[in-house]
Amino acid sequence: MLMIRAIIRPEKTNSVLSELLNAGFPAVTRLDVYGRGKQKGLTVGEIHYDELPKQMLLIVVEDADKDDVVSIVMRTARTGEGHLGDGRIFVSPVEAAYTVSTGKAGL
């Protein structure tokens, strides 16, 4: 199993969630997060915004589904070629997962 953490622009969240659902990946956790990436924030006039609002989506999938989910997020969250601030995707291993209500292991 793998956990995919996608940090994306808030205005792209609903589109990404809809595409994931349509592709058969309904289980997603969504968090409001704040941060800065390579662009080091945003300057408008004399005001510098050091931390920008983003959404983080947490998706646990079988290894075989990783490329599909990453592709969906990349395609749907992108605002245009080369635009900074569209987000990042991190993939890491999940050692185990359990359903609290049943105690069953696995997805």
N, C-alpha and C. Protein backbone atom coordinates (compact mmCIF):
# COMPACT_ATOMS: atom_id res chain seq x y z
N MET A 1 0.84 -1.18 0.00
CA MET A 1 0.00 0.00 0.00
C MET A 1 0.88 1.24 0.00
N LEU A 2 0.33 2.30 -0.57
CA LEU A 2 1.04 3.57 -0.64
C LEU A 2 0.12 4.70 -0.20
N MET A 3 0.70 5.73 0.43
CA MET A 3 -0.05 6.94 0.73
C MET A 3 0.41 8.02 -0.23
N ILE A 4 -0.55 8.61 -0.90
CA ILE A 4 -0.28 9.72 -1.80
C ILE A 4 -0.77 10.98 -1.10
N ARG A 5 0.15 11.91 -0.89
CA ARG A 5 -0.19 13.21 -0.30
C ARG A 5 -0.09 14.24 -1.42
N ALA A 6 -1.19 14.85 -1.75
CA ALA A 6 -1.21 15.85 -2.82
C ALA A 6 -1.55 17.20 -2.21
N ILE A 7 -0.65 18.15 -2.37
CA ILE A 7 -0.89 19.51 -1.90
C ILE A 7 -1.20 20.35 -3.13
N ILE A 8 -2.43 20.88 -3.17
CA ILE A 8 -2.91 21.54 -4.39
C ILE A 8 -3.57 22.88 -4.06
N ARG A 9 -3.84 23.65 -5.10
CA ARG A 9 -4.56 24.91 -4.94
C ARG A 9 -5.99 24.62 -4.50
N PRO A 10 -6.53 25.41 -3.56
CA PRO A 10 -7.89 25.17 -3.07
C PRO A 10 -8.95 25.17 -4.17
N GLU A 11 -8.78 26.01 -5.19
CA GLU A 11 -9.80 26.09 -6.24
C GLU A 11 -9.81 24.86 -7.15
N LYS A 12 -8.81 24.00 -7.03
CA LYS A 12 -8.74 22.79 -7.84
C LYS A 12 -9.25 21.55 -7.10
N THR A 13 -9.52 21.69 -5.80
CA THR A 13 -9.87 20.54 -4.96
C THR A 13 -11.10 19.80 -5.46
N ASN A 14 -12.19 20.50 -5.72
CA ASN A 14 -13.43 19.82 -6.14
C ASN A 14 -13.26 19.07 -7.46
N SER A 15 -12.51 19.65 -8.39
CA SER A 15 -12.27 18.97 -9.67
C SER A 15 -11.46 17.69 -9.47
N VAL A 16 -10.42 17.78 -8.63
CA VAL A 16 -9.58 16.60 -8.37
C VAL A 16 -10.40 15.52 -7.68
N LEU A 17 -11.17 15.90 -6.65
CA LEU A 17 -11.99 14.92 -5.94
C LEU A 17 -13.00 14.26 -6.87
N SER A 18 -13.61 15.02 -7.74
CA SER A 18 -14.58 14.48 -8.68
C SER A 18 -13.93 13.48 -9.63
N GLU A 19 -12.77 13.82 -10.16
CA GLU A 19 -12.06 12.92 -11.07
C GLU A 19 -11.61 11.64 -10.36
N LEU A 20 -11.16 11.76 -9.12
CA LEU A 20 -10.77 10.57 -8.35
C LEU A 20 -11.97 9.66 -8.12
N LEU A 21 -13.11 10.25 -7.76
CA LEU A 21 -14.32 9.48 -7.54
C LEU A 21 -14.75 8.76 -8.82
N ASN A 22 -14.74 9.48 -9.94
CA ASN A 22 -15.13 8.88 -11.22
C ASN A 22 -14.19 7.75 -11.64
N ALA A 23 -12.95 7.80 -11.20
CA ALA A 23 -11.97 6.77 -11.55
C ALA A 23 -11.97 5.61 -10.56
N GLY A 24 -12.84 5.67 -9.54
CA GLY A 24 -12.94 4.57 -8.60
C GLY A 24 -12.11 4.72 -7.35
N PHE A 25 -11.74 5.96 -7.01
CA PHE A 25 -10.96 6.22 -5.80
C PHE A 25 -11.73 7.19 -4.90
N PRO A 26 -12.76 6.67 -4.19
CA PRO A 26 -13.62 7.55 -3.39
C PRO A 26 -13.03 7.93 -2.03
N ALA A 27 -12.10 7.13 -1.50
CA ALA A 27 -11.60 7.34 -0.14
C ALA A 27 -10.46 8.36 -0.12
N VAL A 28 -10.80 9.58 0.33
CA VAL A 28 -9.84 10.68 0.37
C VAL A 28 -10.05 11.46 1.65
N THR A 29 -8.96 11.85 2.29
CA THR A 29 -9.02 12.77 3.42
C THR A 29 -8.53 14.12 2.94
N ARG A 30 -9.26 15.18 3.29
CA ARG A 30 -8.92 16.53 2.83
C ARG A 30 -8.61 17.41 4.03
N LEU A 31 -7.50 18.14 3.96
CA LEU A 31 -7.08 19.02 5.05
C LEU A 31 -6.78 20.41 4.50
N ASP A 32 -7.12 21.44 5.27
CA ASP A 32 -6.68 22.80 4.96
C ASP A 32 -5.26 22.94 5.49
N VAL A 33 -4.35 23.37 4.64
CA VAL A 33 -2.96 23.57 5.04
C VAL A 33 -2.48 24.92 4.52
N TYR A 34 -1.37 25.39 5.08
CA TYR A 34 -0.77 26.65 4.66
C TYR A 34 0.73 26.44 4.51
N GLY A 35 1.31 27.05 3.50
CA GLY A 35 2.73 26.91 3.32
C GLY A 35 3.22 27.69 2.13
N ARG A 36 4.48 27.46 1.82
CA ARG A 36 5.08 28.10 0.66
C ARG A 36 5.97 27.08 -0.01
N GLY A 37 6.09 27.23 -1.30
CA GLY A 37 6.92 26.32 -2.07
C GLY A 37 8.12 27.04 -2.63
N LYS A 38 8.50 26.65 -3.81
CA LYS A 38 9.67 27.22 -4.46
C LYS A 38 9.53 28.72 -4.71
N GLN A 39 8.29 29.19 -4.84
CA GLN A 39 8.08 30.61 -5.12
C GLN A 39 8.26 31.47 -3.88
N LYS A 40 8.44 30.85 -2.70
CA LYS A 40 8.70 31.55 -1.42
C LYS A 40 7.60 32.52 -1.05
N GLY A 41 6.38 32.16 -1.32
CA GLY A 41 5.26 33.02 -0.99
C GLY A 41 4.83 33.85 -2.19
N LEU A 42 4.15 34.93 -1.92
CA LEU A 42 3.58 35.77 -2.97
C LEU A 42 3.66 37.23 -2.54
N THR A 43 4.12 38.08 -3.42
CA THR A 43 4.19 39.51 -3.13
C THR A 43 3.21 40.26 -4.03
N VAL A 44 2.33 41.03 -3.39
CA VAL A 44 1.36 41.86 -4.11
C VAL A 44 1.60 43.29 -3.63
N GLY A 45 2.14 44.12 -4.51
CA GLY A 45 2.50 45.47 -4.11
C GLY A 45 3.59 45.42 -3.05
N GLU A 46 3.32 46.02 -1.90
CA GLU A 46 4.29 46.02 -0.81
C GLU A 46 4.02 44.92 0.21
N ILE A 47 2.97 44.15 0.00
CA ILE A 47 2.59 43.10 0.95
C ILE A 47 3.14 41.75 0.49
N HIS A 48 3.81 41.05 1.42
CA HIS A 48 4.34 39.72 1.12
C HIS A 48 3.55 38.68 1.92
N TYR A 49 2.97 37.73 1.21
CA TYR A 49 2.25 36.64 1.85
C TYR A 49 3.20 35.45 1.93
N ASP A 50 3.64 35.14 3.15
CA ASP A 50 4.65 34.11 3.35
C ASP A 50 4.06 32.71 3.28
N GLU A 51 2.84 32.57 3.75
CA GLU A 51 2.19 31.26 3.73
C GLU A 51 0.88 31.38 2.97
N LEU A 52 0.70 30.52 1.98
CA LEU A 52 -0.48 30.55 1.12
C LEU A 52 -1.40 29.39 1.47
N PRO A 53 -2.72 29.59 1.36
CA PRO A 53 -3.64 28.49 1.63
C PRO A 53 -3.59 27.44 0.53
N LYS A 54 -3.57 26.18 0.93
CA LYS A 54 -3.59 25.03 0.02
C LYS A 54 -4.51 23.99 0.62
N GLN A 55 -4.77 22.95 -0.13
CA GLN A 55 -5.50 21.78 0.35
C GLN A 55 -4.57 20.58 0.23
N MET A 56 -4.57 19.72 1.25
CA MET A 56 -3.81 18.48 1.16
C MET A 56 -4.80 17.32 1.11
N LEU A 57 -4.64 16.50 0.09
CA LEU A 57 -5.45 15.29 -0.07
C LEU A 57 -4.59 14.09 0.30
N LEU A 58 -5.13 13.22 1.16
CA LEU A 58 -4.44 12.00 1.56
C LEU A 58 -5.21 10.83 0.97
N ILE A 59 -4.53 10.01 0.19
CA ILE A 59 -5.17 8.90 -0.50
C ILE A 59 -4.29 7.67 -0.32
N VAL A 60 -4.83 6.61 0.26
CA VAL A 60 -4.09 5.35 0.40
C VAL A 60 -4.60 4.40 -0.66
N VAL A 61 -3.67 3.86 -1.46
CA VAL A 61 -4.03 2.99 -2.58
C VAL A 61 -3.10 1.78 -2.61
N GLU A 62 -3.53 0.78 -3.34
CA GLU A 62 -2.66 -0.35 -3.63
C GLU A 62 -1.54 0.13 -4.54
N ASP A 63 -0.39 -0.52 -4.47
CA ASP A 63 0.78 -0.11 -5.27
C ASP A 63 0.45 0.02 -6.76
N ALA A 64 -0.37 -0.89 -7.26
CA ALA A 64 -0.70 -0.91 -8.69
C ALA A 64 -1.51 0.31 -9.13
N ASP A 65 -2.16 1.00 -8.19
CA ASP A 65 -3.00 2.15 -8.53
C ASP A 65 -2.27 3.49 -8.44
N LYS A 66 -1.02 3.47 -7.99
CA LYS A 66 -0.26 4.71 -7.78
C LYS A 66 -0.21 5.58 -9.02
N ASP A 67 0.20 5.03 -10.15
CA ASP A 67 0.36 5.83 -11.37
C ASP A 67 -0.95 6.45 -11.82
N ASP A 68 -2.06 5.71 -11.67
CA ASP A 68 -3.37 6.24 -12.06
C ASP A 68 -3.74 7.45 -11.20
N VAL A 69 -3.58 7.33 -9.89
CA VAL A 69 -3.96 8.41 -8.99
C VAL A 69 -3.05 9.63 -9.19
N VAL A 70 -1.76 9.41 -9.29
CA VAL A 70 -0.82 10.52 -9.51
C VAL A 70 -1.16 11.23 -10.82
N SER A 71 -1.46 10.48 -11.86
CA SER A 71 -1.80 11.05 -13.16
C SER A 71 -3.07 11.90 -13.08
N ILE A 72 -4.08 11.40 -12.37
CA ILE A 72 -5.34 12.14 -12.22
C ILE A 72 -5.09 13.46 -11.50
N VAL A 73 -4.35 13.42 -10.41
CA VAL A 73 -4.08 14.64 -9.65
C VAL A 73 -3.27 15.62 -10.49
N MET A 74 -2.23 15.14 -11.14
CA MET A 74 -1.38 16.02 -11.96
C MET A 74 -2.19 16.70 -13.06
N ARG A 75 -2.97 15.93 -13.76
CA ARG A 75 -3.74 16.46 -14.89
C ARG A 75 -4.82 17.44 -14.42
N THR A 76 -5.48 17.13 -13.33
CA THR A 76 -6.62 17.92 -12.89
C THR A 76 -6.22 19.14 -12.07
N ALA A 77 -5.12 19.07 -11.33
CA ALA A 77 -4.71 20.18 -10.46
C ALA A 77 -3.87 21.22 -11.19
N ARG A 78 -3.35 20.88 -12.35
CA ARG A 78 -2.47 21.81 -13.08
C ARG A 78 -3.27 22.98 -13.63
N THR A 79 -2.71 24.19 -13.46
CA THR A 79 -3.37 25.39 -13.98
C THR A 79 -2.80 25.81 -15.32
N GLY A 80 -1.63 25.35 -15.65
CA GLY A 80 -1.00 25.70 -16.92
C GLY A 80 0.44 25.25 -16.91
N GLU A 81 1.02 25.14 -18.05
CA GLU A 81 2.40 24.64 -18.16
C GLU A 81 3.37 25.59 -17.48
N GLY A 82 4.10 25.07 -16.49
CA GLY A 82 5.16 25.82 -15.85
C GLY A 82 4.73 26.80 -14.78
N HIS A 83 3.47 26.80 -14.37
CA HIS A 83 3.03 27.72 -13.32
C HIS A 83 3.49 27.24 -11.96
N LEU A 84 4.21 28.07 -11.24
CA LEU A 84 4.59 27.74 -9.88
C LEU A 84 3.36 27.81 -8.99
N GLY A 85 3.35 27.03 -7.93
CA GLY A 85 2.26 27.08 -6.97
C GLY A 85 1.12 26.13 -7.23
N ASP A 86 1.24 25.28 -8.26
CA ASP A 86 0.17 24.30 -8.53
C ASP A 86 0.18 23.17 -7.50
N GLY A 87 1.30 22.93 -6.85
CA GLY A 87 1.32 21.93 -5.79
C GLY A 87 2.43 20.92 -5.92
N ARG A 88 2.38 19.94 -5.02
CA ARG A 88 3.36 18.85 -4.98
C ARG A 88 2.63 17.56 -4.64
N ILE A 89 3.22 16.45 -5.07
CA ILE A 89 2.68 15.13 -4.75
C ILE A 89 3.81 14.32 -4.12
N PHE A 90 3.50 13.72 -2.98
CA PHE A 90 4.46 12.88 -2.28
C PHE A 90 3.88 11.48 -2.16
N VAL A 91 4.68 10.47 -2.40
CA VAL A 91 4.25 9.08 -2.30
C VAL A 91 5.14 8.38 -1.29
N SER A 92 4.53 7.72 -0.31
CA SER A 92 5.30 7.00 0.70
C SER A 92 4.61 5.68 1.03
N PRO A 93 5.39 4.72 1.52
CA PRO A 93 4.82 3.41 1.85
C PRO A 93 3.94 3.46 3.09
N VAL A 94 2.92 2.61 3.10
CA VAL A 94 2.05 2.41 4.27
C VAL A 94 2.27 0.99 4.74
N GLU A 95 2.70 0.85 5.97
CA GLU A 95 3.01 -0.48 6.51
C GLU A 95 1.75 -1.31 6.76
N ALA A 96 0.70 -0.65 7.25
CA ALA A 96 -0.54 -1.37 7.54
C ALA A 96 -1.70 -0.38 7.60
N ALA A 97 -2.90 -0.88 7.40
CA ALA A 97 -4.11 -0.07 7.53
C ALA A 97 -5.18 -0.95 8.16
N TYR A 98 -5.98 -0.35 9.05
CA TYR A 98 -7.03 -1.10 9.75
C TYR A 98 -8.32 -0.29 9.73
N THR A 99 -9.44 -0.97 9.57
CA THR A 99 -10.75 -0.35 9.68
C THR A 99 -11.16 -0.39 11.14
N VAL A 100 -11.42 0.76 11.73
CA VAL A 100 -11.71 0.84 13.16
C VAL A 100 -12.97 0.06 13.51
N SER A 101 -14.04 0.19 12.73
CA SER A 101 -15.31 -0.44 13.08
C SER A 101 -15.28 -1.97 13.05
N THR A 102 -14.46 -2.52 12.15
CA THR A 102 -14.44 -3.99 12.02
C THR A 102 -13.14 -4.62 12.54
N GLY A 103 -12.10 -3.83 12.66
CA GLY A 103 -10.82 -4.37 13.07
C GLY A 103 -10.07 -5.06 11.95
N LYS A 104 -10.63 -5.05 10.74
CA LYS A 104 -10.00 -5.73 9.61
C LYS A 104 -8.78 -4.96 9.12
N ALA A 105 -7.78 -5.72 8.70
CA ALA A 105 -6.57 -5.13 8.13
C ALA A 105 -6.74 -4.98 6.62
N GLY A 106 -6.05 -3.99 6.06
CA GLY A 106 -6.07 -3.79 4.60
C GLY A 106 -7.03 -2.69 4.21
N LEU A 107 -7.07 -2.44 2.91
CA LEU A 107 -7.96 -1.39 2.40
C LEU A 107 -9.35 -1.95 2.28
